[in-house]
Each structure stands twice: as structure tokens, then as C-alpha cells.
Amino acid sequence: MPVSWFYGHPMIQRINRPETSLADRKWNYSVQIGDFNAEQVKVKVEDGKVIIYAKYTDGNDEWGDTVVRTRTVQIPENVDSEKLHSFMKPDGTMMLEARTVCQMRSNSKLYHKKGVN
């Protein structure tokens, strides 16, 4: 942090971060997929959950090895599951992203003081 002097004493200056609105906030989740590539991984959303299904077959039909992995992730209530986006990083990590939904409390009310306009 930058330091400046205030009346002969050091003072730490806080760097102002740009304001982000609630609409810009995202939910992120990462999963190590390992040796699977993007074509071998399927992602679907079902009943408020993300299901990641990966299947890898090595060899031929007669003497091949098959590896199957499934991961289920609960989507938080404040996340828009309709706008879920998934992608693979080069290091084999599956990333899930979605925007959060801003919800106003239904019981919050604005009260005016008497005599104040």
C-alpha cells in the first residue's frame, strides 16, 4: 500500500477500487477434470444442480479401459442457473460461471419522519 506522511506520521493510503454493482457479481466454481478433454465432458443443469459427466475410453472395444467420473455441484439460490457457462482451461480445470441474481427483500419499506420532506 502506498504510504504518505500526515503531520510527521506515516499514513497508509487506501487505493479506491472501482465500484462493482451487484449485477456484475459472478459465482465461480472450478473442478479438476484431469486427463479428460473438452469433447469427453458433458455438463447439464438439473433440479438446481450442475452435473458434470466425463467418460474416457482407451483401447479397442474388446480390450479397452473405460474411466467414468461424475461430479454434482449444488447451485446457490442467488445464482441464475439459466445463464450458466462452462469452459475448460488448458491445465484440465473445468470452470463454471454464472451471474448472481439481485433480490430485494419484500419486507423492506421506506419510512418518512414526520416534519421532514
PDB file of N, CA and C in Angstrom:
ATOM      1  N   MET A   1       0.840  -1.182   0.000  1.00  0.00           N
ATOM      2  CA  MET A   1       0.000   0.000   0.000  1.00  0.00           C
ATOM      3  C   MET A   1       0.879   1.237   0.000  1.00  0.00           C
ATOM      4  N   PRO A   2       0.458   2.247  -0.699  1.00  0.00           N
ATOM      5  CA  PRO A   2       1.228   3.482  -0.690  1.00  0.00           C
ATOM      6  C   PRO A   2       1.183   4.146   0.687  1.00  0.00           C
ATOM      7  N   VAL A   3       2.288   4.762   1.067  1.00  0.00           N
ATOM      8  CA  VAL A   3       2.382   5.435   2.356  1.00  0.00           C
ATOM      9  C   VAL A   3       2.667   6.910   2.109  1.00  0.00           C
ATOM     10  N   SER A   4       1.961   7.774   2.810  1.00  0.00           N
ATOM     11  CA  SER A   4       2.245   9.202   2.743  1.00  0.00           C
ATOM     12  C   SER A   4       2.432   9.702   4.180  1.00  0.00           C
ATOM     13  N   TRP A   5       2.882  10.926   4.309  1.00  0.00           N
ATOM     14  CA  TRP A   5       3.151  11.483   5.627  1.00  0.00           C
ATOM     15  C   TRP A   5       2.079  12.490   5.973  1.00  0.00           C
ATOM     16  N   PHE A   6       1.526  12.363   7.181  1.00  0.00           N
ATOM     17  CA  PHE A   6       0.469  13.235   7.660  1.00  0.00           C
ATOM     18  C   PHE A   6       0.893  13.773   9.011  1.00  0.00           C
ATOM     19  N   TYR A   7       1.218  15.049   9.086  1.00  0.00           N
ATOM     20  CA  TYR A   7       1.691  15.700  10.304  1.00  0.00           C
ATOM     21  C   TYR A   7       2.881  14.953  10.907  1.00  0.00           C
ATOM     22  N   GLY A   8       3.828  14.544  10.064  1.00  0.00           N
ATOM     23  CA  GLY A   8       5.028  13.905  10.530  1.00  0.00           C
ATOM     24  C   GLY A   8       4.891  12.426  10.842  1.00  0.00           C
ATOM     25  N   HIS A   9       3.691  11.858  10.657  1.00  0.00           N
ATOM     26  CA  HIS A   9       3.467  10.439  10.926  1.00  0.00           C
ATOM     27  C   HIS A   9       3.077   9.743   9.623  1.00  0.00           C
ATOM     28  N   PRO A  10       3.566   8.528   9.429  1.00  0.00           N
ATOM     29  CA  PRO A  10       3.170   7.824   8.210  1.00  0.00           C
ATOM     30  C   PRO A  10       1.679   7.484   8.240  1.00  0.00           C
ATOM     31  N   MET A  11       1.058   7.599   7.099  1.00  0.00           N
ATOM     32  CA  MET A  11      -0.366   7.306   6.967  1.00  0.00           C
ATOM     33  C   MET A  11      -0.535   6.400   5.747  1.00  0.00           C
ATOM     34  N   ILE A  12      -1.213   5.309   5.915  1.00  0.00           N
ATOM     35  CA  ILE A  12      -1.449   4.388   4.799  1.00  0.00           C
ATOM     36  C   ILE A  12      -2.634   4.899   3.993  1.00  0.00           C
ATOM     37  N   GLN A  13      -2.424   5.012   2.703  1.00  0.00           N
ATOM     38  CA  GLN A  13      -3.499   5.445   1.818  1.00  0.00           C
ATOM     39  C   GLN A  13      -4.191   4.222   1.243  1.00  0.00           C
ATOM     40  N   ARG A  14      -5.461   4.215   1.301  1.00  0.00           N
ATOM     41  CA  ARG A  14      -6.234   3.121   0.717  1.00  0.00           C
ATOM     42  C   ARG A  14      -6.478   3.444  -0.756  1.00  0.00           C
ATOM     43  N   ILE A  15      -6.215   2.482  -1.588  1.00  0.00           N
ATOM     44  CA  ILE A  15      -6.458   2.668  -3.016  1.00  0.00           C
ATOM     45  C   ILE A  15      -7.926   2.386  -3.268  1.00  0.00           C
ATOM     46  N   ASN A  16      -8.591   3.331  -3.894  1.00  0.00           N
ATOM     47  CA  ASN A  16     -10.005   3.153  -4.200  1.00  0.00           C
ATOM     48  C   ASN A  16     -10.167   2.125  -5.311  1.00  0.00           C
ATOM     49  N   ARG A  17     -10.950   1.121  -5.017  1.00  0.00           N
ATOM     50  CA  ARG A  17     -11.252   0.123  -6.029  1.00  0.00           C
ATOM     51  C   ARG A  17     -12.476   0.578  -6.805  1.00  0.00           C
ATOM     52  N   PRO A  18     -12.544   0.218  -8.073  1.00  0.00           N
ATOM     53  CA  PRO A  18     -13.737   0.612  -8.828  1.00  0.00           C
ATOM     54  C   PRO A  18     -14.976  -0.052  -8.244  1.00  0.00           C
ATOM     55  N   GLU A  19     -16.037   0.685  -8.213  1.00  0.00           N
ATOM     56  CA  GLU A  19     -17.290   0.164  -7.684  1.00  0.00           C
ATOM     57  C   GLU A  19     -17.848  -0.888  -8.635  1.00  0.00           C
ATOM     58  N   THR A  20     -18.276  -1.998  -8.097  1.00  0.00           N
ATOM     59  CA  THR A  20     -18.935  -3.008  -8.906  1.00  0.00           C
ATOM     60  C   THR A  20     -20.362  -3.135  -8.411  1.00  0.00           C
ATOM     61  N   SER A  21     -21.263  -3.180  -9.331  1.00  0.00           N
ATOM     62  CA  SER A  21     -22.662  -3.298  -8.945  1.00  0.00           C
ATOM     63  C   SER A  21     -22.962  -4.755  -8.607  1.00  0.00           C
ATOM     64  N   LEU A  22     -24.064  -4.981  -7.937  1.00  0.00           N
ATOM     65  CA  LEU A  22     -24.460  -6.335  -7.590  1.00  0.00           C
ATOM     66  C   LEU A  22     -24.735  -7.167  -8.840  1.00  0.00           C
ATOM     67  N   ALA A  23     -25.140  -6.511  -9.920  1.00  0.00           N
ATOM     68  CA  ALA A  23     -25.444  -7.228 -11.163  1.00  0.00           C
ATOM     69  C   ALA A  23     -24.185  -7.787 -11.819  1.00  0.00           C
ATOM     70  N   ASP A  24     -23.010  -7.237 -11.492  1.00  0.00           N
ATOM     71  CA  ASP A  24     -21.763  -7.700 -12.098  1.00  0.00           C
ATOM     72  C   ASP A  24     -21.119  -8.850 -11.342  1.00  0.00           C
ATOM     73  N   ARG A  25     -21.666  -9.235 -10.221  1.00  0.00           N
ATOM     74  CA  ARG A  25     -21.062 -10.291  -9.418  1.00  0.00           C
ATOM     75  C   ARG A  25     -21.329 -11.649 -10.050  1.00  0.00           C
ATOM     76  N   LYS A  26     -20.329 -12.534  -9.941  1.00  0.00           N
ATOM     77  CA  LYS A  26     -20.444 -13.854 -10.536  1.00  0.00           C
ATOM     78  C   LYS A  26     -20.177 -14.933  -9.501  1.00  0.00           C
ATOM     79  N   TRP A  27     -20.775 -16.091  -9.739  1.00  0.00           N
ATOM     80  CA  TRP A  27     -20.492 -17.299  -8.980  1.00  0.00           C
ATOM     81  C   TRP A  27     -19.513 -18.107  -9.803  1.00  0.00           C
ATOM     82  N   ASN A  28     -18.415 -18.513  -9.220  1.00  0.00           N
ATOM     83  CA  ASN A  28     -17.393 -19.304  -9.908  1.00  0.00           C
ATOM     84  C   ASN A  28     -17.185 -20.605  -9.161  1.00  0.00           C
ATOM     85  N   TYR A  29     -16.969 -21.661  -9.925  1.00  0.00           N
ATOM     86  CA  TYR A  29     -16.673 -22.966  -9.340  1.00  0.00           C
ATOM     87  C   TYR A  29     -15.698 -23.674 -10.272  1.00  0.00           C
ATOM     88  N   SER A  30     -14.670 -24.285  -9.718  1.00  0.00           N
ATOM     89  CA  SER A  30     -13.693 -24.988 -10.553  1.00  0.00           C
ATOM     90  C   SER A  30     -13.571 -26.435 -10.106  1.00  0.00           C
ATOM     91  N   VAL A  31     -13.377 -27.322 -11.085  1.00  0.00           N
ATOM     92  CA  VAL A  31     -13.246 -28.751 -10.836  1.00  0.00           C
ATOM     93  C   VAL A  31     -12.061 -29.256 -11.642  1.00  0.00           C
ATOM     94  N   GLN A  32     -11.164 -30.001 -10.995  1.00  0.00           N
ATOM     95  CA  GLN A  32     -10.055 -30.637 -11.713  1.00  0.00           C
ATOM     96  C   GLN A  32     -10.608 -31.841 -12.465  1.00  0.00           C
ATOM     97  N   ILE A  33     -10.514 -31.822 -13.777  1.00  0.00           N
ATOM     98  CA  ILE A  33     -11.030 -32.914 -14.596  1.00  0.00           C
ATOM     99  C   ILE A  33      -9.948 -33.967 -14.834  1.00  0.00           C
ATOM    100  N   GLY A  34      -8.702 -33.554 -14.904  1.00  0.00           N
ATOM    101  CA  GLY A  34      -7.605 -34.500 -15.090  1.00  0.00           C
ATOM    102  C   GLY A  34      -7.308 -34.757 -16.553  1.00  0.00           C
ATOM    103  N   ASP A  35      -7.315 -36.028 -16.943  1.00  0.00           N
ATOM    104  CA  ASP A  35      -6.913 -36.425 -18.293  1.00  0.00           C
ATOM    105  C   ASP A  35      -8.035 -36.317 -19.320  1.00  0.00           C
ATOM    106  N   PHE A  36      -9.178 -35.841 -18.960  1.00  0.00           N
ATOM    107  CA  PHE A  36     -10.286 -35.715 -19.900  1.00  0.00           C
ATOM    108  C   PHE A  36     -10.131 -34.443 -20.717  1.00  0.00           C
ATOM    109  N   ASN A  37     -10.494 -34.497 -21.980  1.00  0.00           N
ATOM    110  CA  ASN A  37     -10.506 -33.275 -22.783  1.00  0.00           C
ATOM    111  C   ASN A  37     -11.941 -32.772 -22.913  1.00  0.00           C
ATOM    112  N   ALA A  38     -12.130 -31.623 -23.517  1.00  0.00           N
ATOM    113  CA  ALA A  38     -13.434 -30.972 -23.565  1.00  0.00           C
ATOM    114  C   ALA A  38     -14.489 -31.809 -24.290  1.00  0.00           C
ATOM    115  N   GLU A  39     -14.100 -32.592 -25.284  1.00  0.00           N
ATOM    116  CA  GLU A  39     -15.061 -33.403 -26.025  1.00  0.00           C
ATOM    117  C   GLU A  39     -15.590 -34.567 -25.195  1.00  0.00           C
ATOM    118  N   GLN A  40     -14.876 -34.963 -24.166  1.00  0.00           N
ATOM    119  CA  GLN A  40     -15.266 -36.108 -23.342  1.00  0.00           C
ATOM    120  C   GLN A  40     -16.070 -35.709 -22.105  1.00  0.00           C
ATOM    121  N   VAL A  41     -16.310 -34.424 -21.934  1.00  0.00           N
ATOM    122  CA  VAL A  41     -17.003 -33.925 -20.743  1.00  0.00           C
ATOM    123  C   VAL A  41     -18.347 -33.334 -21.147  1.00  0.00           C
ATOM    124  N   LYS A  42     -19.390 -33.712 -20.424  1.00  0.00           N
ATOM    125  CA  LYS A  42     -20.736 -33.174 -20.650  1.00  0.00           C
ATOM    126  C   LYS A  42     -21.187 -32.492 -19.365  1.00  0.00           C
ATOM    127  N   VAL A  43     -21.828 -31.339 -19.513  1.00  0.00           N
ATOM    128  CA  VAL A  43     -22.324 -30.572 -18.366  1.00  0.00           C
ATOM    129  C   VAL A  43     -23.807 -30.319 -18.579  1.00  0.00           C
ATOM    130  N   LYS A  44     -24.613 -30.612 -17.558  1.00  0.00           N
ATOM    131  CA  LYS A  44     -26.042 -30.303 -17.650  1.00  0.00           C
ATOM    132  C   LYS A  44     -26.542 -29.776 -16.307  1.00  0.00           C
ATOM    133  N   VAL A  45     -27.601 -28.972 -16.381  1.00  0.00           N
ATOM    134  CA  VAL A  45     -28.219 -28.391 -15.190  1.00  0.00           C
ATOM    135  C   VAL A  45     -29.556 -29.084 -14.989  1.00  0.00           C
ATOM    136  N   GLU A  46     -29.775 -29.544 -13.757  1.00  0.00           N
ATOM    137  CA  GLU A  46     -30.986 -30.310 -13.472  1.00  0.00           C
ATOM    138  C   GLU A  46     -31.353 -30.155 -12.006  1.00  0.00           C
ATOM    139  N   ASP A  47     -32.553 -29.697 -11.726  1.00  0.00           N
ATOM    140  CA  ASP A  47     -33.065 -29.552 -10.355  1.00  0.00           C
ATOM    141  C   ASP A  47     -32.153 -28.724  -9.449  1.00  0.00           C
ATOM    142  N   GLY A  48     -31.640 -27.618  -9.943  1.00  0.00           N
ATOM    143  CA  GLY A  48     -30.799 -26.745  -9.132  1.00  0.00           C
ATOM    144  C   GLY A  48     -29.394 -27.269  -8.902  1.00  0.00           C
ATOM    145  N   LYS A  49     -28.977 -28.233  -9.704  1.00  0.00           N
ATOM    146  CA  LYS A  49     -27.640 -28.806  -9.580  1.00  0.00           C
ATOM    147  C   LYS A  49     -26.971 -28.849 -10.946  1.00  0.00           C
ATOM    148  N   VAL A  50     -25.648 -28.749 -10.936  1.00  0.00           N
ATOM    149  CA  VAL A  50     -24.854 -28.932 -12.151  1.00  0.00           C
ATOM    150  C   VAL A  50     -24.285 -30.334 -12.078  1.00  0.00           C
ATOM    151  N   ILE A  51     -24.487 -31.111 -13.132  1.00  0.00           N
ATOM    152  CA  ILE A  51     -23.950 -32.466 -13.193  1.00  0.00           C
ATOM    153  C   ILE A  51     -22.873 -32.491 -14.269  1.00  0.00           C
ATOM    154  N   ILE A  52     -21.651 -32.824 -13.856  1.00  0.00           N
ATOM    155  CA  ILE A  52     -20.514 -32.913 -14.766  1.00  0.00           C
ATOM    156  C   ILE A  52     -20.227 -34.400 -14.972  1.00  0.00           C
ATOM    157  N   TYR A  53     -20.323 -34.852 -16.216  1.00  0.00           N
ATOM    158  CA  TYR A  53     -20.131 -36.257 -16.551  1.00  0.00           C
ATOM    159  C   TYR A  53     -18.971 -36.362 -17.534  1.00  0.00           C
ATOM    160  N   ALA A  54     -17.961 -37.151 -17.196  1.00  0.00           N
ATOM    161  CA  ALA A  54     -16.796 -37.324 -18.065  1.00  0.00           C
ATOM    162  C   ALA A  54     -16.567 -38.814 -18.298  1.00  0.00           C
ATOM    163  N   LYS A  55     -16.317 -39.169 -19.571  1.00  0.00           N
ATOM    164  CA  LYS A  55     -16.093 -40.569 -19.927  1.00  0.00           C
ATOM    165  C   LYS A  55     -14.930 -40.658 -20.895  1.00  0.00           C
ATOM    166  N   TYR A  56     -13.997 -41.536 -20.585  1.00  0.00           N
ATOM    167  CA  TYR A  56     -12.794 -41.725 -21.397  1.00  0.00           C
ATOM    168  C   TYR A  56     -12.609 -43.217 -21.660  1.00  0.00           C
ATOM    169  N   THR A  57     -12.454 -43.601 -22.936  1.00  0.00           N
ATOM    170  CA  THR A  57     -12.213 -44.997 -23.305  1.00  0.00           C
ATOM    171  C   THR A  57     -10.860 -45.087 -23.987  1.00  0.00           C
ATOM    172  N   ASP A  58     -10.040 -45.998 -23.492  1.00  0.00           N
ATOM    173  CA  ASP A  58      -8.701 -46.203 -24.052  1.00  0.00           C
ATOM    174  C   ASP A  58      -8.613 -47.626 -24.596  1.00  0.00           C
ATOM    175  N   GLY A  59      -8.159 -47.780 -25.812  1.00  0.00           N
ATOM    176  CA  GLY A  59      -8.035 -49.093 -26.413  1.00  0.00           C
ATOM    177  C   GLY A  59      -9.197 -49.381 -27.348  1.00  0.00           C
ATOM    178  N   ASN A  60      -9.412 -50.655 -27.677  1.00  0.00           N
ATOM    179  CA  ASN A  60     -10.499 -51.017 -28.586  1.00  0.00           C
ATOM    180  C   ASN A  60     -11.713 -51.505 -27.800  1.00  0.00           C
ATOM    181  N   ASP A  61     -12.753 -51.920 -28.521  1.00  0.00           N
ATOM    182  CA  ASP A  61     -13.991 -52.343 -27.865  1.00  0.00           C
ATOM    183  C   ASP A  61     -13.810 -53.627 -27.058  1.00  0.00           C
ATOM    184  N   GLU A  62     -12.903 -54.482 -27.499  1.00  0.00           N
ATOM    185  CA  GLU A  62     -12.745 -55.776 -26.854  1.00  0.00           C
ATOM    186  C   GLU A  62     -11.892 -55.710 -25.581  1.00  0.00           C
ATOM    187  N   TRP A  63     -10.776 -54.980 -25.636  1.00  0.00           N
ATOM    188  CA  TRP A  63      -9.844 -54.927 -24.517  1.00  0.00           C
ATOM    189  C   TRP A  63      -9.570 -53.489 -24.049  1.00  0.00           C
ATOM    190  N   GLY A  64     -10.553 -52.658 -24.038  1.00  0.00           N
ATOM    191  CA  GLY A  64     -10.345 -51.264 -23.668  1.00  0.00           C
ATOM    192  C   GLY A  64     -10.649 -50.984 -22.211  1.00  0.00           C
ATOM    193  N   ASP A  65     -10.041 -49.942 -21.709  1.00  0.00           N
ATOM    194  CA  ASP A  65     -10.332 -49.449 -20.360  1.00  0.00           C
ATOM    195  C   ASP A  65     -11.241 -48.241 -20.476  1.00  0.00           C
ATOM    196  N   THR A  66     -12.241 -48.182 -19.631  1.00  0.00           N
ATOM    197  CA  THR A  66     -13.155 -47.048 -19.608  1.00  0.00           C
ATOM    198  C   THR A  66     -13.110 -46.409 -18.228  1.00  0.00           C
ATOM    199  N   VAL A  67     -12.948 -45.110 -18.211  1.00  0.00           N
ATOM    200  CA  VAL A  67     -12.942 -44.342 -16.967  1.00  0.00           C
ATOM    201  C   VAL A  67     -14.122 -43.382 -17.019  1.00  0.00           C
ATOM    202  N   VAL A  68     -14.965 -43.419 -16.009  1.00  0.00           N
ATOM    203  CA  VAL A  68     -16.140 -42.554 -15.927  1.00  0.00           C
ATOM    204  C   VAL A  68     -16.093 -41.808 -14.601  1.00  0.00           C
ATOM    205  N   ARG A  69     -16.291 -40.512 -14.662  1.00  0.00           N
ATOM    206  CA  ARG A  69     -16.338 -39.693 -13.439  1.00  0.00           C
ATOM    207  C   ARG A  69     -17.568 -38.783 -13.512  1.00  0.00           C
ATOM    208  N   THR A  70     -18.218 -38.641 -12.370  1.00  0.00           N
ATOM    209  CA  THR A  70     -19.387 -37.774 -12.263  1.00  0.00           C
ATOM    210  C   THR A  70     -19.205 -36.883 -11.051  1.00  0.00           C
ATOM    211  N   ARG A  71     -19.508 -35.618 -11.212  1.00  0.00           N
ATOM    212  CA  ARG A  71     -19.442 -34.661 -10.106  1.00  0.00           C
ATOM    213  C   ARG A  71     -20.735 -33.863 -10.126  1.00  0.00           C
ATOM    214  N   THR A  72     -21.387 -33.752  -8.978  1.00  0.00           N
ATOM    215  CA  THR A  72     -22.619 -32.981  -8.840  1.00  0.00           C
ATOM    216  C   THR A  72     -22.342 -31.793  -7.937  1.00  0.00           C
ATOM    217  N   VAL A  73     -22.736 -30.606  -8.395  1.00  0.00           N
ATOM    218  CA  VAL A  73     -22.497 -29.366  -7.665  1.00  0.00           C
ATOM    219  C   VAL A  73     -23.833 -28.674  -7.441  1.00  0.00           C
ATOM    220  N   GLN A  74     -24.136 -28.328  -6.196  1.00  0.00           N
ATOM    221  CA  GLN A  74     -25.360 -27.596  -5.869  1.00  0.00           C
ATOM    222  C   GLN A  74     -25.189 -26.137  -6.275  1.00  0.00           C
ATOM    223  N   ILE A  75     -26.146 -25.602  -7.020  1.00  0.00           N
ATOM    224  CA  ILE A  75     -26.109 -24.197  -7.427  1.00  0.00           C
ATOM    225  C   ILE A  75     -26.744 -23.374  -6.305  1.00  0.00           C
ATOM    226  N   PRO A  76     -26.058 -22.332  -5.829  1.00  0.00           N
ATOM    227  CA  PRO A  76     -26.652 -21.486  -4.776  1.00  0.00           C
ATOM    228  C   PRO A  76     -27.949 -20.830  -5.252  1.00  0.00           C
ATOM    229  N   GLU A  77     -28.812 -20.484  -4.304  1.00  0.00           N
ATOM    230  CA  GLU A  77     -30.119 -19.913  -4.634  1.00  0.00           C
ATOM    231  C   GLU A  77     -30.028 -18.577  -5.366  1.00  0.00           C
ATOM    232  N   ASN A  78     -28.982 -17.808  -5.093  1.00  0.00           N
ATOM    233  CA  ASN A  78     -28.880 -16.480  -5.695  1.00  0.00           C
ATOM    234  C   ASN A  78     -28.172 -16.493  -7.054  1.00  0.00           C
ATOM    235  N   VAL A  79     -28.033 -17.662  -7.676  1.00  0.00           N
ATOM    236  CA  VAL A  79     -27.348 -17.784  -8.967  1.00  0.00           C
ATOM    237  C   VAL A  79     -28.362 -18.110 -10.048  1.00  0.00           C
ATOM    238  N   ASP A  80     -28.238 -17.428 -11.186  1.00  0.00           N
ATOM    239  CA  ASP A  80     -29.125 -17.653 -12.327  1.00  0.00           C
ATOM    240  C   ASP A  80     -28.645 -18.879 -13.095  1.00  0.00           C
ATOM    241  N   SER A  81     -29.279 -20.023 -12.857  1.00  0.00           N
ATOM    242  CA  SER A  81     -28.847 -21.277 -13.492  1.00  0.00           C
ATOM    243  C   SER A  81     -29.124 -21.299 -14.991  1.00  0.00           C
ATOM    244  N   GLU A  82     -30.010 -20.429 -15.460  1.00  0.00           N
ATOM    245  CA  GLU A  82     -30.311 -20.345 -16.900  1.00  0.00           C
ATOM    246  C   GLU A  82     -29.118 -19.783 -17.675  1.00  0.00           C
ATOM    247  N   LYS A  83     -28.275 -19.019 -17.017  1.00  0.00           N
ATOM    248  CA  LYS A  83     -27.137 -18.355 -17.677  1.00  0.00           C
ATOM    249  C   LYS A  83     -25.796 -18.988 -17.299  1.00  0.00           C
ATOM    250  N   LEU A  84     -25.806 -20.249 -16.926  1.00  0.00           N
ATOM    251  CA  LEU A  84     -24.584 -20.936 -16.535  1.00  0.00           C
ATOM    252  C   LEU A  84     -23.680 -21.145 -17.748  1.00  0.00           C
ATOM    253  N   HIS A  85     -22.400 -20.884 -17.564  1.00  0.00           N
ATOM    254  CA  HIS A  85     -21.408 -21.020 -18.631  1.00  0.00           C
ATOM    255  C   HIS A  85     -20.284 -21.913 -18.111  1.00  0.00           C
ATOM    256  N   SER A  86     -19.868 -22.881 -18.935  1.00  0.00           N
ATOM    257  CA  SER A  86     -18.769 -23.755 -18.536  1.00  0.00           C
ATOM    258  C   SER A  86     -17.706 -23.765 -19.626  1.00  0.00           C
ATOM    259  N   PHE A  87     -16.445 -23.886 -19.203  1.00  0.00           N
ATOM    260  CA  PHE A  87     -15.341 -23.967 -20.156  1.00  0.00           C
ATOM    261  C   PHE A  87     -14.171 -24.667 -19.502  1.00  0.00           C
ATOM    262  N   MET A  88     -13.277 -25.198 -20.357  1.00  0.00           N
ATOM    263  CA  MET A  88     -12.090 -25.911 -19.886  1.00  0.00           C
ATOM    264  C   MET A  88     -10.872 -25.012 -20.008  1.00  0.00           C
ATOM    265  N   LYS A  89     -10.041 -25.031 -18.969  1.00  0.00           N
ATOM    266  CA  LYS A  89      -8.752 -24.348 -19.018  1.00  0.00           C
ATOM    267  C   LYS A  89      -7.713 -25.320 -19.587  1.00  0.00           C
ATOM    268  N   PRO A  90      -6.593 -24.808 -20.103  1.00  0.00           N
ATOM    269  CA  PRO A  90      -5.561 -25.701 -20.651  1.00  0.00           C
ATOM    270  C   PRO A  90      -4.977 -26.682 -19.644  1.00  0.00           C
ATOM    271  N   ASP A  91      -5.038 -26.363 -18.337  1.00  0.00           N
ATOM    272  CA  ASP A  91      -4.473 -27.261 -17.325  1.00  0.00           C
ATOM    273  C   ASP A  91      -5.433 -28.373 -16.895  1.00  0.00           C
ATOM    274  N   GLY A  92      -6.584 -28.493 -17.564  1.00  0.00           N
ATOM    275  CA  GLY A  92      -7.532 -29.558 -17.255  1.00  0.00           C
ATOM    276  C   GLY A  92      -8.543 -29.202 -16.183  1.00  0.00           C
ATOM    277  N   THR A  93      -8.735 -27.927 -15.930  1.00  0.00           N
ATOM    278  CA  THR A  93      -9.707 -27.476 -14.936  1.00  0.00           C
ATOM    279  C   THR A  93     -10.994 -27.060 -15.637  1.00  0.00           C
ATOM    280  N   MET A  94     -12.118 -27.595 -15.187  1.00  0.00           N
ATOM    281  CA  MET A  94     -13.424 -27.205 -15.701  1.00  0.00           C
ATOM    282  C   MET A  94     -13.916 -26.040 -14.860  1.00  0.00           C
ATOM    283  N   MET A  95     -14.258 -24.936 -15.519  1.00  0.00           N
ATOM    284  CA  MET A  95     -14.743 -23.747 -14.822  1.00  0.00           C
ATOM    285  C   MET A  95     -16.242 -23.589 -15.069  1.00  0.00           C
ATOM    286  N   LEU A  96     -16.978 -23.294 -14.018  1.00  0.00           N
ATOM    287  CA  LEU A  96     -18.402 -22.979 -14.105  1.00  0.00           C
ATOM    288  C   LEU A  96     -18.584 -21.538 -13.657  1.00  0.00           C
ATOM    289  N   GLU A  97     -19.329 -20.771 -14.426  1.00  0.00           N
ATOM    290  CA  GLU A  97     -19.598 -19.370 -14.083  1.00  0.00           C
ATOM    291  C   GLU A  97     -21.059 -19.059 -14.339  1.00  0.00           C
ATOM    292  N   ALA A  98     -21.610 -18.220 -13.486  1.00  0.00           N
ATOM    293  CA  ALA A  98     -22.969 -17.721 -13.674  1.00  0.00           C
ATOM    294  C   ALA A  98     -23.115 -16.428 -12.898  1.00  0.00           C
ATOM    295  N   ARG A  99     -23.975 -15.566 -13.375  1.00  0.00           N
ATOM    296  CA  ARG A  99     -24.234 -14.299 -12.675  1.00  0.00           C
ATOM    297  C   ARG A  99     -25.131 -14.553 -11.474  1.00  0.00           C
ATOM    298  N   THR A 100     -24.908 -13.758 -10.448  1.00  0.00           N
ATOM    299  CA  THR A 100     -25.780 -13.830  -9.286  1.00  0.00           C
ATOM    300  C   THR A 100     -27.010 -12.979  -9.543  1.00  0.00           C
ATOM    301  N   VAL A 101     -28.096 -13.342  -8.898  1.00  0.00           N
ATOM    302  CA  VAL A 101     -29.360 -12.635  -9.055  1.00  0.00           C
ATOM    303  C   VAL A 101     -29.529 -11.719  -7.863  1.00  0.00           C
ATOM    304  N   CYS A 102     -29.787 -10.454  -8.119  1.00  0.00           N
ATOM    305  CA  CYS A 102     -30.019  -9.485  -7.039  1.00  0.00           C
ATOM    306  C   CYS A 102     -31.468  -9.584  -6.621  1.00  0.00           C
ATOM    307  N   GLN A 103     -31.686  -9.791  -5.339  1.00  0.00           N
ATOM    308  CA  GLN A 103     -33.042  -9.892  -4.835  1.00  0.00           C
ATOM    309  C   GLN A 103     -33.265  -8.828  -3.780  1.00  0.00           C
ATOM    310  N   MET A 104     -34.338  -8.095  -3.925  1.00  0.00           N
ATOM    311  CA  MET A 104     -34.715  -7.108  -2.925  1.00  0.00           C
ATOM    312  C   MET A 104     -35.591  -7.797  -1.891  1.00  0.00           C
ATOM    313  N   ARG A 105     -35.431  -7.448  -0.663  1.00  0.00           N
ATOM    314  CA  ARG A 105     -36.269  -8.014   0.381  1.00  0.00           C
ATOM    315  C   ARG A 105     -37.675  -7.472   0.239  1.00  0.00           C
ATOM    316  N   SER A 106     -38.638  -8.345   0.286  1.00  0.00           N
ATOM    317  CA  SER A 106     -40.024  -7.913   0.103  1.00  0.00           C
ATOM    318  C   SER A 106     -40.565  -7.189   1.330  1.00  0.00           C
ATOM    319  N   ASN A 107     -39.964  -7.419   2.489  1.00  0.00           N
ATOM    320  CA  ASN A 107     -40.473  -6.802   3.701  1.00  0.00           C
ATOM    321  C   ASN A 107     -39.792  -5.464   4.013  1.00  0.00           C
ATOM    322  N   SER A 108     -38.856  -5.014   3.168  1.00  0.00           N
ATOM    323  CA  SER A 108     -38.203  -3.734   3.440  1.00  0.00           C
ATOM    324  C   SER A 108     -39.094  -2.594   2.961  1.00  0.00           C
ATOM    325  N   LYS A 109     -39.261  -1.597   3.816  1.00  0.00           N
ATOM    326  CA  LYS A 109     -40.120  -0.454   3.500  1.00  0.00           C
ATOM    327  C   LYS A 109     -39.355   0.821   3.798  1.00  0.00           C
ATOM    328  N   LEU A 110     -39.755   1.884   3.164  1.00  0.00           N
ATOM    329  CA  LEU A 110     -39.148   3.189   3.371  1.00  0.00           C
ATOM    330  C   LEU A 110     -40.093   4.016   4.233  1.00  0.00           C
ATOM    331  N   TYR A 111     -39.603   4.485   5.351  1.00  0.00           N
ATOM    332  CA  TYR A 111     -40.411   5.287   6.257  1.00  0.00           C
ATOM    333  C   TYR A 111     -39.914   6.727   6.232  1.00  0.00           C
ATOM    334  N   HIS A 112     -40.840   7.671   6.266  1.00  0.00           N
ATOM    335  CA  HIS A 112     -40.501   9.091   6.322  1.00  0.00           C
ATOM    336  C   HIS A 112     -40.745   9.588   7.744  1.00  0.00           C
ATOM    337  N   LYS A 113     -39.821  10.436   8.222  1.00  0.00           N
ATOM    338  CA  LYS A 113     -40.021  11.054   9.525  1.00  0.00           C
ATOM    339  C   LYS A 113     -41.028  12.171   9.413  1.00  0.00           C
ATOM    340  N   LYS A 114     -41.762  12.393  10.440  1.00  0.00           N
ATOM    341  CA  LYS A 114     -42.757  13.466  10.440  1.00  0.00           C
ATOM    342  C   LYS A 114     -42.032  14.803  10.426  1.00  0.00           C
ATOM    343  N   GLY A 115     -42.512  15.716   9.609  1.00  0.00           N
ATOM    344  CA  GLY A 115     -41.944  17.045   9.535  1.00  0.00           C
ATOM    345  C   GLY A 115     -40.764  17.132   8.588  1.00  0.00           C
ATOM    346  N   VAL A 116     -40.345  16.043   7.968  1.00  0.00           N
ATOM    347  CA  VAL A 116     -39.233  16.052   7.023  1.00  0.00           C
ATOM    348  C   VAL A 116     -39.795  15.747   5.644  1.00  0.00           C
ATOM    349  N   ASN A 117     -39.486  16.579   4.671  1.00  0.00           N
ATOM    350  CA  ASN A 117     -39.984  16.361   3.296  1.00  0.00           C
ATOM    351  C   ASN A 117     -39.054  15.529   2.504  1.00  0.00           C
TER     352      ASN A 117
END
